PDB file of all heavy atoms in Angstrom:
ATOM      1  N   ILE A   1      52.921  -7.387  42.205  1.00  0.00           N
ATOM      2  CA  ILE A   1      52.726  -6.948  43.658  1.00  0.00           C
ATOM      3  C   ILE A   1      54.152  -6.962  44.266  1.00  0.00           C
ATOM      4  O   ILE A   1      54.752  -8.017  44.256  1.00  0.00           O
ATOM      5  CB  ILE A   1      51.790  -7.699  44.412  1.00  0.00           C
ATOM      6  CG1 ILE A   1      50.382  -7.695  43.794  1.00  0.00           C
ATOM      7  CG2 ILE A   1      51.737  -7.306  45.892  1.00  0.00           C
ATOM      8  CD1 ILE A   1      49.335  -8.562  44.557  1.00  0.00           C
ATOM      9  N   VAL A   2      54.571  -5.760  44.811  1.00  0.00           N
ATOM     10  CA  VAL A   2      55.854  -5.705  45.378  1.00  0.00           C
ATOM     11  C   VAL A   2      55.732  -5.374  46.884  1.00  0.00           C
ATOM     12  O   VAL A   2      55.085  -4.347  47.193  1.00  0.00           O
ATOM     13  CB  VAL A   2      56.806  -4.651  44.656  1.00  0.00           C
ATOM     14  CG1 VAL A   2      58.122  -4.484  45.362  1.00  0.00           C
ATOM     15  CG2 VAL A   2      56.960  -4.965  43.230  1.00  0.00           C
ATOM     16  N   ASP A   3      56.463  -6.129  47.734  1.00  0.00           N
ATOM     17  CA  ASP A   3      56.527  -5.784  49.219  1.00  0.00           C
ATOM     18  C   ASP A   3      57.519  -4.717  49.467  1.00  0.00           C
ATOM     19  O   ASP A   3      58.752  -4.821  48.914  1.00  0.00           O
ATOM     20  CB  ASP A   3      56.780  -6.995  49.887  1.00  0.00           C
ATOM     21  CG  ASP A   3      55.629  -7.998  49.961  1.00  0.00           C
ATOM     22  OD1 ASP A   3      54.632  -7.594  50.454  1.00  0.00           O
ATOM     23  OD2 ASP A   3      55.810  -9.138  49.568  1.00  0.00           O
ATOM     24  N   VAL A   4      57.209  -3.690  49.959  1.00  0.00           N
ATOM     25  CA  VAL A   4      58.040  -2.534  50.341  1.00  0.00           C
ATOM     26  C   VAL A   4      58.057  -2.127  51.697  1.00  0.00           C
ATOM     27  O   VAL A   4      57.164  -2.610  52.592  1.00  0.00           O
ATOM     28  CB  VAL A   4      57.733  -1.358  49.430  1.00  0.00           C
ATOM     29  CG1 VAL A   4      57.681  -1.672  47.944  1.00  0.00           C
ATOM     30  CG2 VAL A   4      56.250  -0.827  49.888  1.00  0.00           C
ATOM     31  N   VAL A   5      59.130  -1.390  52.184  1.00  0.00           N
ATOM     32  CA  VAL A   5      59.230  -1.140  53.612  1.00  0.00           C
ATOM     33  C   VAL A   5      59.304   0.323  53.941  1.00  0.00           C
ATOM     34  O   VAL A   5      59.347   0.776  55.057  1.00  0.00           O
ATOM     35  CB  VAL A   5      60.560  -1.641  54.180  1.00  0.00           C
ATOM     36  CG1 VAL A   5      60.470  -3.239  53.954  1.00  0.00           C
ATOM     37  CG2 VAL A   5      61.773  -1.173  53.383  1.00  0.00           C
ATOM     38  N   ASN A   6      59.118   1.326  52.898  1.00  0.00           N
ATOM     39  CA  ASN A   6      59.146   2.651  53.276  1.00  0.00           C
ATOM     40  C   ASN A   6      58.278   3.455  52.137  1.00  0.00           C
ATOM     41  O   ASN A   6      57.988   2.827  51.105  1.00  0.00           O
ATOM     42  CB  ASN A   6      60.517   3.274  53.387  1.00  0.00           C
ATOM     43  CG  ASN A   6      61.386   2.990  52.202  1.00  0.00           C
ATOM     44  OD1 ASN A   6      60.982   3.315  51.045  1.00  0.00           O
ATOM     45  ND2 ASN A   6      62.698   2.574  52.412  1.00  0.00           N
ATOM     46  N   LEU A   7      58.132   4.669  52.423  1.00  0.00           N
ATOM     47  CA  LEU A   7      57.307   5.594  51.450  1.00  0.00           C
ATOM     48  C   LEU A   7      57.883   5.643  50.069  1.00  0.00           C
ATOM     49  O   LEU A   7      57.201   5.524  49.094  1.00  0.00           O
ATOM     50  CB  LEU A   7      57.090   6.942  52.055  1.00  0.00           C
ATOM     51  CG  LEU A   7      56.289   7.881  51.216  1.00  0.00           C
ATOM     52  CD1 LEU A   7      54.839   7.339  50.984  1.00  0.00           C
ATOM     53  CD2 LEU A   7      56.312   9.337  51.968  1.00  0.00           C
ATOM     54  N   ALA A   8      59.217   5.777  49.936  1.00  0.00           N
ATOM     55  CA  ALA A   8      59.894   5.980  48.677  1.00  0.00           C
ATOM     56  C   ALA A   8      59.665   4.670  47.853  1.00  0.00           C
ATOM     57  O   ALA A   8      59.416   4.843  46.632  1.00  0.00           O
ATOM     58  CB  ALA A   8      61.362   6.314  48.898  1.00  0.00           C
ATOM     59  N   GLU A   9      59.779   3.541  48.499  1.00  0.00           N
ATOM     60  CA  GLU A   9      59.698   2.326  47.754  1.00  0.00           C
ATOM     61  C   GLU A   9      58.174   2.112  47.383  1.00  0.00           C
ATOM     62  O   GLU A   9      57.954   1.611  46.298  1.00  0.00           O
ATOM     63  CB  GLU A   9      60.195   1.151  48.622  1.00  0.00           C
ATOM     64  CG  GLU A   9      61.701   1.084  48.817  1.00  0.00           C
ATOM     65  CD  GLU A   9      62.055  -0.221  49.617  1.00  0.00           C
ATOM     66  OE1 GLU A   9      61.199  -0.954  50.025  1.00  0.00           O
ATOM     67  OE2 GLU A   9      63.288  -0.352  49.795  1.00  0.00           O
ATOM     68  N   ALA A  10      57.354   2.444  48.225  1.00  0.00           N
ATOM     69  CA  ALA A  10      55.952   2.382  47.864  1.00  0.00           C
ATOM     70  C   ALA A  10      55.493   3.272  46.745  1.00  0.00           C
ATOM     71  O   ALA A  10      54.745   2.822  45.861  1.00  0.00           O
ATOM     72  CB  ALA A  10      55.009   2.692  49.048  1.00  0.00           C
ATOM     73  N   ARG A  11      56.107   4.512  46.617  1.00  0.00           N
ATOM     74  CA  ARG A  11      55.788   5.426  45.649  1.00  0.00           C
ATOM     75  C   ARG A  11      56.332   4.843  44.263  1.00  0.00           C
ATOM     76  O   ARG A  11      55.721   4.803  43.266  1.00  0.00           O
ATOM     77  CB  ARG A  11      56.447   6.681  45.856  1.00  0.00           C
ATOM     78  CG  ARG A  11      56.223   7.746  44.828  1.00  0.00           C
ATOM     79  CD  ARG A  11      56.870   9.050  45.207  1.00  0.00           C
ATOM     80  NE  ARG A  11      56.147   9.793  46.178  1.00  0.00           N
ATOM     81  CZ  ARG A  11      56.489  10.180  47.413  1.00  0.00           C
ATOM     82  NH1 ARG A  11      57.743   9.750  47.867  1.00  0.00           N
ATOM     83  NH2 ARG A  11      55.770  10.838  48.306  1.00  0.00           N
ATOM     84  N   GLU A  12      57.601   4.233  44.265  1.00  0.00           N
ATOM     85  CA  GLU A  12      58.194   3.680  43.120  1.00  0.00           C
ATOM     86  C   GLU A  12      57.431   2.502  42.501  1.00  0.00           C
ATOM     87  O   GLU A  12      57.023   2.434  41.376  1.00  0.00           O
ATOM     88  CB  GLU A  12      59.558   3.359  43.432  1.00  0.00           C
ATOM     89  CG  GLU A  12      60.329   2.753  42.170  1.00  0.00           C
ATOM     90  CD  GLU A  12      61.779   2.442  42.463  1.00  0.00           C
ATOM     91  OE1 GLU A  12      62.272   2.634  43.617  1.00  0.00           O
ATOM     92  OE2 GLU A  12      62.476   1.843  41.573  1.00  0.00           O
ATOM     93  N   ALA A  13      57.053   1.560  43.555  1.00  0.00           N
ATOM     94  CA  ALA A  13      56.378   0.296  43.097  1.00  0.00           C
ATOM     95  C   ALA A  13      55.047   0.480  42.532  1.00  0.00           C
ATOM     96  O   ALA A  13      54.641  -0.209  41.572  1.00  0.00           O
ATOM     97  CB  ALA A  13      56.420  -0.723  44.254  1.00  0.00           C
ATOM     98  N   SER A  14      54.290   1.532  43.182  1.00  0.00           N
ATOM     99  CA  SER A  14      53.005   1.754  42.773  1.00  0.00           C
ATOM    100  C   SER A  14      52.878   2.457  41.302  1.00  0.00           C
ATOM    101  O   SER A  14      51.758   2.608  40.882  1.00  0.00           O
ATOM    102  CB  SER A  14      52.218   2.523  43.834  1.00  0.00           C
ATOM    103  OG  SER A  14      52.877   3.702  44.100  1.00  0.00           O
ATOM    104  N   GLN A  15      53.950   2.783  40.893  1.00  0.00           N
ATOM    105  CA  GLN A  15      53.872   3.386  39.448  1.00  0.00           C
ATOM    106  C   GLN A  15      53.741   2.265  38.387  1.00  0.00           C
ATOM    107  O   GLN A  15      53.364   2.495  37.283  1.00  0.00           O
ATOM    108  CB  GLN A  15      55.159   4.185  39.198  1.00  0.00           C
ATOM    109  CG  GLN A  15      55.347   5.340  40.087  1.00  0.00           C
ATOM    110  CD  GLN A  15      54.259   6.306  40.118  1.00  0.00           C
ATOM    111  OE1 GLN A  15      53.693   6.805  39.198  1.00  0.00           O
ATOM    112  NE2 GLN A  15      53.813   6.654  41.457  1.00  0.00           N
ATOM    113  N   VAL A  16      54.110   1.125  38.789  1.00  0.00           N
ATOM    114  CA  VAL A  16      54.138  -0.092  37.730  1.00  0.00           C
ATOM    115  C   VAL A  16      53.388  -1.274  38.297  1.00  0.00           C
ATOM    116  O   VAL A  16      53.377  -2.296  37.641  1.00  0.00           O
ATOM    117  CB  VAL A  16      55.561  -0.406  37.359  1.00  0.00           C
ATOM    118  CG1 VAL A  16      56.212   0.721  36.691  1.00  0.00           C
ATOM    119  CG2 VAL A  16      56.324  -0.815  38.709  1.00  0.00           C
ATOM    120  N   GLY A  17      52.660  -1.141  39.332  1.00  0.00           N
ATOM    121  CA  GLY A  17      51.991  -2.306  39.872  1.00  0.00           C
ATOM    122  C   GLY A  17      51.291  -1.995  41.304  1.00  0.00           C
ATOM    123  O   GLY A  17      51.086  -0.809  41.535  1.00  0.00           O
ATOM    124  N   PHE A  18      51.201  -2.973  42.138  1.00  0.00           N
ATOM    125  CA  PHE A  18      50.713  -2.701  43.491  1.00  0.00           C
ATOM    126  C   PHE A  18      51.944  -2.724  44.508  1.00  0.00           C
ATOM    127  O   PHE A  18      52.745  -3.605  44.369  1.00  0.00           O
ATOM    128  CB  PHE A  18      49.788  -3.857  43.871  1.00  0.00           C
ATOM    129  CG  PHE A  18      48.416  -3.695  43.233  1.00  0.00           C
ATOM    130  CD1 PHE A  18      48.155  -2.847  42.149  1.00  0.00           C
ATOM    131  CD2 PHE A  18      47.386  -4.654  43.546  1.00  0.00           C
ATOM    132  CE1 PHE A  18      46.861  -2.862  41.431  1.00  0.00           C
ATOM    133  CE2 PHE A  18      46.062  -4.557  42.965  1.00  0.00           C
ATOM    134  CZ  PHE A  18      45.944  -3.688  41.869  1.00  0.00           C
ATOM    135  N   ALA A  19      51.866  -1.813  45.417  1.00  0.00           N
ATOM    136  CA  ALA A  19      52.905  -1.782  46.477  1.00  0.00           C
ATOM    137  C   ALA A  19      52.093  -2.337  47.702  1.00  0.00           C
ATOM    138  O   ALA A  19      51.041  -1.960  48.066  1.00  0.00           O
ATOM    139  CB  ALA A  19      53.413  -0.462  46.677  1.00  0.00           C
ATOM    140  N   ARG A  20      52.828  -3.145  48.453  1.00  0.00           N
ATOM    141  CA  ARG A  20      52.281  -3.719  49.721  1.00  0.00           C
ATOM    142  C   ARG A  20      53.173  -3.299  50.906  1.00  0.00           C
ATOM    143  O   ARG A  20      54.335  -3.673  50.788  1.00  0.00           O
ATOM    144  CB  ARG A  20      52.128  -5.213  49.617  1.00  0.00           C
ATOM    145  CG  ARG A  20      51.416  -5.869  50.763  1.00  0.00           C
ATOM    146  CD  ARG A  20      50.953  -7.358  50.315  1.00  0.00           C
ATOM    147  NE  ARG A  20      52.080  -8.128  49.811  1.00  0.00           N
ATOM    148  CZ  ARG A  20      51.871  -9.210  49.015  1.00  0.00           C
ATOM    149  NH1 ARG A  20      50.648  -9.726  48.791  1.00  0.00           N
ATOM    150  NH2 ARG A  20      52.854  -9.840  48.631  1.00  0.00           N
ATOM    151  N   ILE A  21      52.629  -2.636  51.909  1.00  0.00           N
ATOM    152  CA  ILE A  21      53.463  -2.113  52.935  1.00  0.00           C
ATOM    153  C   ILE A  21      52.677  -2.153  54.236  1.00  0.00           C
ATOM    154  O   ILE A  21      51.501  -2.068  54.264  1.00  0.00           O
ATOM    155  CB  ILE A  21      53.863  -0.596  52.495  1.00  0.00           C
ATOM    156  CG1 ILE A  21      54.791   0.048  53.614  1.00  0.00           C
ATOM    157  CG2 ILE A  21      52.647   0.304  52.420  1.00  0.00           C
ATOM    158  CD1 ILE A  21      55.434   1.296  53.312  1.00  0.00           C
ATOM    159  N   ALA A  22      53.341  -2.241  55.289  1.00  0.00           N
ATOM    160  CA  ALA A  22      52.766  -2.235  56.595  1.00  0.00           C
ATOM    161  C   ALA A  22      52.106  -0.873  56.896  1.00  0.00           C
ATOM    162  O   ALA A  22      52.615   0.037  56.651  1.00  0.00           O
ATOM    163  CB  ALA A  22      53.859  -2.493  57.652  1.00  0.00           C
ATOM    164  N   TRP A  23      50.741  -0.903  57.203  1.00  0.00           N
ATOM    165  CA  TRP A  23      49.976   0.211  57.450  1.00  0.00           C
ATOM    166  C   TRP A  23      50.546   1.052  58.538  1.00  0.00           C
ATOM    167  O   TRP A  23      50.561   2.270  58.406  1.00  0.00           O
ATOM    168  CB  TRP A  23      48.557  -0.161  57.708  1.00  0.00           C
ATOM    169  CG  TRP A  23      47.698   0.945  58.002  1.00  0.00           C
ATOM    170  CD1 TRP A  23      46.957   1.144  59.266  1.00  0.00           C
ATOM    171  CD2 TRP A  23      47.332   2.174  57.244  1.00  0.00           C
ATOM    172  NE1 TRP A  23      46.155   2.315  59.203  1.00  0.00           N
ATOM    173  CE2 TRP A  23      46.456   2.913  58.090  1.00  0.00           C
ATOM    174  CE3 TRP A  23      47.869   2.604  55.943  1.00  0.00           C
ATOM    175  CZ2 TRP A  23      46.037   4.184  57.594  1.00  0.00           C
ATOM    176  CZ3 TRP A  23      47.403   3.856  55.539  1.00  0.00           C
ATOM    177  CH2 TRP A  23      46.450   4.515  56.269  1.00  0.00           C
ATOM    178  N   GLU A  24      51.161   0.389  59.539  1.00  0.00           N
ATOM    179  CA  GLU A  24      51.713   1.208  60.650  1.00  0.00           C
ATOM    180  C   GLU A  24      52.965   1.922  60.098  1.00  0.00           C
ATOM    181  O   GLU A  24      53.235   3.026  60.631  1.00  0.00           O
ATOM    182  CB  GLU A  24      52.195   0.213  61.775  1.00  0.00           C
ATOM    183  CG  GLU A  24      51.064  -0.529  62.430  1.00  0.00           C
ATOM    184  CD  GLU A  24      51.420  -1.467  63.467  1.00  0.00           C
ATOM    185  OE1 GLU A  24      52.759  -1.757  63.533  1.00  0.00           O
ATOM    186  OE2 GLU A  24      50.651  -1.983  64.093  1.00  0.00           O
ATOM    187  N   MET A  25      53.683   1.500  59.112  1.00  0.00           N
ATOM    188  CA  MET A  25      54.831   2.133  58.490  1.00  0.00           C
ATOM    189  C   MET A  25      54.271   3.268  57.665  1.00  0.00           C
ATOM    190  O   MET A  25      54.963   4.346  57.650  1.00  0.00           O
ATOM    191  CB  MET A  25      55.630   1.180  57.717  1.00  0.00           C
ATOM    192  CG  MET A  25      56.792   1.763  56.927  1.00  0.00           C
ATOM    193  SD  MET A  25      58.119   2.403  58.078  1.00  0.00           S
ATOM    194  CE  MET A  25      58.684   0.807  58.709  1.00  0.00           C
ATOM    195  N   LEU A  26      53.253   3.058  56.943  1.00  0.00           N
ATOM    196  CA  LEU A  26      52.715   4.095  55.967  1.00  0.00           C
ATOM    197  C   LEU A  26      52.001   5.198  56.826  1.00  0.00           C
ATOM    198  O   LEU A  26      52.322   6.440  56.747  1.00  0.00           O
ATOM    199  CB  LEU A  26      51.905   3.522  54.906  1.00  0.00           C
ATOM    200  CG  LEU A  26      51.400   4.455  53.755  1.00  0.00           C
ATOM    201  CD1 LEU A  26      52.558   4.962  52.942  1.00  0.00           C
ATOM    202  CD2 LEU A  26      50.411   3.737  52.950  1.00  0.00           C
ATOM    203  N   GLY A  27      50.753   4.795  57.427  1.00  0.00           N
ATOM    204  CA  GLY A  27      49.972   5.699  58.099  1.00  0.00           C
ATOM    205  C   GLY A  27      49.207   6.680  57.315  1.00  0.00           C
ATOM    206  O   GLY A  27      49.412   6.744  56.025  1.00  0.00           O
ATOM    207  N   THR A  28      48.537   7.577  57.946  1.00  0.00           N
ATOM    208  CA  THR A  28      47.734   8.583  57.157  1.00  0.00           C
ATOM    209  C   THR A  28      48.603   9.629  56.511  1.00  0.00           C
ATOM    210  O   THR A  28      48.291  10.196  55.441  1.00  0.00           O
ATOM    211  CB  THR A  28      46.700   9.161  58.152  1.00  0.00           C
ATOM    212  OG1 THR A  28      47.405   9.686  59.195  1.00  0.00           O
ATOM    213  CG2 THR A  28      45.654   8.224  58.610  1.00  0.00           C
ATOM    214  N   GLN A  29      49.704   9.905  57.161  1.00  0.00           N
ATOM    215  CA  GLN A  29      50.631  10.883  56.526  1.00  0.00           C
ATOM    216  C   GLN A  29      51.216  10.323  55.225  1.00  0.00           C
ATOM    217  O   GLN A  29      51.268  11.047  54.194  1.00  0.00           O
ATOM    218  CB  GLN A  29      51.808  11.308  57.501  1.00  0.00           C
ATOM    219  CG  GLN A  29      51.286  12.033  58.720  1.00  0.00           C
ATOM    220  CD  GLN A  29      52.383  12.606  59.466  1.00  0.00           C
ATOM    221  OE1 GLN A  29      53.541  11.990  59.596  1.00  0.00           O
ATOM    222  NE2 GLN A  29      52.226  13.697  60.176  1.00  0.00           N
ATOM    223  N   GLY A  30      51.564   9.059  55.278  1.00  0.00           N
ATOM    224  CA  GLY A  30      52.061   8.446  54.073  1.00  0.00           C
ATOM    225  C   GLY A  30      51.059   8.393  53.036  1.00  0.00           C
ATOM    226  O   GLY A  30      51.266   8.468  51.694  1.00  0.00           O
ATOM    227  N   GLU A  31      49.708   8.153  53.364  1.00  0.00           N
ATOM    228  CA  GLU A  31      48.653   8.065  52.431  1.00  0.00           C
ATOM    229  C   GLU A  31      48.464   9.438  51.697  1.00  0.00           C
ATOM    230  O   GLU A  31      48.320   9.384  50.544  1.00  0.00           O
ATOM    231  CB  GLU A  31      47.330   7.697  53.244  1.00  0.00           C
ATOM    232  CG  GLU A  31      46.135   7.479  52.311  1.00  0.00           C
ATOM    233  CD  GLU A  31      44.996   7.074  53.172  1.00  0.00           C
ATOM    234  OE1 GLU A  31      44.916   7.297  54.285  1.00  0.00           O
ATOM    235  OE2 GLU A  31      43.958   6.597  52.527  1.00  0.00           O
ATOM    236  N   VAL A  32      48.545  10.406  52.496  1.00  0.00           N
ATOM    237  CA  VAL A  32      48.429  11.815  51.873  1.00  0.00           C
ATOM    238  C   VAL A  32      49.584  12.054  50.958  1.00  0.00           C
ATOM    239  O   VAL A  32      49.336  12.607  49.793  1.00  0.00           O
ATOM    240  CB  VAL A  32      48.379  12.860  52.970  1.00  0.00           C
ATOM    241  CG1 VAL A  32      48.494  14.282  52.512  1.00  0.00           C
ATOM    242  CG2 VAL A  32      47.202  12.812  53.869  1.00  0.00           C
ATOM    243  N   ALA A  33      50.811  11.612  51.234  1.00  0.00           N
ATOM    244  CA  ALA A  33      51.879  11.827  50.440  1.00  0.00           C
ATOM    245  C   ALA A  33      51.827  11.047  49.164  1.00  0.00           C
ATOM    246  O   ALA A  33      52.071  11.574  48.075  1.00  0.00           O
ATOM    247  CB  ALA A  33      53.185  11.473  51.149  1.00  0.00           C
ATOM    248  N   LEU A  34      51.374   9.818  49.172  1.00  0.00           N
ATOM    249  CA  LEU A  34      51.160   9.061  48.024  1.00  0.00           C
ATOM    250  C   LEU A  34      50.088   9.701  47.102  1.00  0.00           C
ATOM    251  O   LEU A  34      50.207   9.629  45.868  1.00  0.00           O
ATOM    252  CB  LEU A  34      50.773   7.592  48.326  1.00  0.00           C
ATOM    253  CG  LEU A  34      51.853   6.734  48.921  1.00  0.00           C
ATOM    254  CD1 LEU A  34      51.259   5.364  49.302  1.00  0.00           C
ATOM    255  CD2 LEU A  34      52.983   6.537  47.879  1.00  0.00           C
ATOM    256  N   ALA A  35      49.033  10.249  47.706  1.00  0.00           N
ATOM    257  CA  ALA A  35      48.031  10.947  46.812  1.00  0.00           C
ATOM    258  C   ALA A  35      48.537  12.082  45.997  1.00  0.00           C
ATOM    259  O   ALA A  35      47.904  12.264  44.932  1.00  0.00           O
ATOM    260  CB  ALA A  35      46.921  11.473  47.840  1.00  0.00           C
ATOM    261  N   GLU A  36      49.626  12.597  46.380  1.00  0.00           N
ATOM    262  CA  GLU A  36      50.247  13.611  45.506  1.00  0.00           C
ATOM    263  C   GLU A  36      50.756  13.096  44.217  1.00  0.00           C
ATOM    264  O   GLU A  36      50.835  13.754  43.123  1.00  0.00           O
ATOM    265  CB  GLU A  36      51.465  14.199  46.290  1.00  0.00           C
ATOM    266  CG  GLU A  36      50.964  14.990  47.464  1.00  0.00           C
ATOM    267  CD  GLU A  36      52.244  15.586  48.321  1.00  0.00           C
ATOM    268  OE1 GLU A  36      53.330  15.303  47.906  1.00  0.00           O
ATOM    269  OE2 GLU A  36      51.936  16.175  49.397  1.00  0.00           O
ATOM    270  N   ASP A  37      51.029  11.819  44.133  1.00  0.00           N
ATOM    271  CA  ASP A  37      51.353  11.107  42.952  1.00  0.00           C
ATOM    272  C   ASP A  37      50.172  10.280  42.357  1.00  0.00           C
ATOM    273  O   ASP A  37      50.429   9.350  41.533  1.00  0.00           O
ATOM    274  CB  ASP A  37      52.569  10.147  43.192  1.00  0.00           C
ATOM    275  CG  ASP A  37      53.845  10.955  43.515  1.00  0.00           C
ATOM    276  OD1 ASP A  37      54.080  12.014  43.026  1.00  0.00           O
ATOM    277  OD2 ASP A  37      54.613  10.359  44.341  1.00  0.00           O
ATOM    278  N   ALA A  38      48.890  10.598  42.707  1.00  0.00           N
ATOM    279  CA  ALA A  38      47.725   9.877  42.208  1.00  0.00           C
ATOM    280  C   ALA A  38      47.778   8.452  42.604  1.00  0.00           C
ATOM    281  O   ALA A  38      47.188   7.638  41.966  1.00  0.00           O
ATOM    282  CB  ALA A  38      47.626  10.094  40.750  1.00  0.00           C
ATOM    283  N   VAL A  39      48.434   8.126  43.814  1.00  0.00           N
ATOM    284  CA  VAL A  39      48.370   6.710  44.298  1.00  0.00           C
ATOM    285  C   VAL A  39      47.466   6.791  45.527  1.00  0.00           C
ATOM    286  O   VAL A  39      47.578   7.576  46.398  1.00  0.00           O
ATOM    287  CB  VAL A  39      49.844   6.374  44.701  1.00  0.00           C
ATOM    288  CG1 VAL A  39      49.807   4.938  45.357  1.00  0.00           C
ATOM    289  CG2 VAL A  39      50.713   6.256  43.419  1.00  0.00           C
ATOM    290  N   THR A  40      46.645   5.735  45.586  1.00  0.00           N
ATOM    291  CA  THR A  40      45.737   5.593  46.764  1.00  0.00           C
ATOM    292  C   THR A  40      45.965   4.219  47.517  1.00  0.00           C
ATOM    293  O   THR A  40      46.416   3.336  46.907  1.00  0.00           O
ATOM    294  CB  THR A  40      44.234   5.681  46.360  1.00  0.00           C
ATOM    295  OG1 THR A  40      44.095   4.728  45.324  1.00  0.00           O
ATOM    296  CG2 THR A  40      43.975   7.076  45.840  1.00  0.00           C
ATOM    297  N   VAL A  41      45.547   4.242  48.847  1.00  0.00           N
ATOM    298  CA  VAL A  41      45.519   3.037  49.487  1.00  0.00           C
ATOM    299  C   VAL A  41      44.256   2.309  49.179  1.00  0.00           C
ATOM    300  O   VAL A  41      43.143   2.737  49.407  1.00  0.00           O
ATOM    301  CB  VAL A  41      45.645   3.206  51.019  1.00  0.00           C
ATOM    302  CG1 VAL A  41      45.522   1.894  51.754  1.00  0.00           C
ATOM    303  CG2 VAL A  41      46.933   3.896  51.408  1.00  0.00           C
TER     304      VAL A  41
END
């Protein structure tokens, strides 16, 4: 589990484990963006 602070870090960390990020930082737009890489909240 890796603590991250932005979308790019969340995308990278979630390829090899769990990314943990402030929901206020990610938001629904970030959730949609991660889904493009088959990553879900």
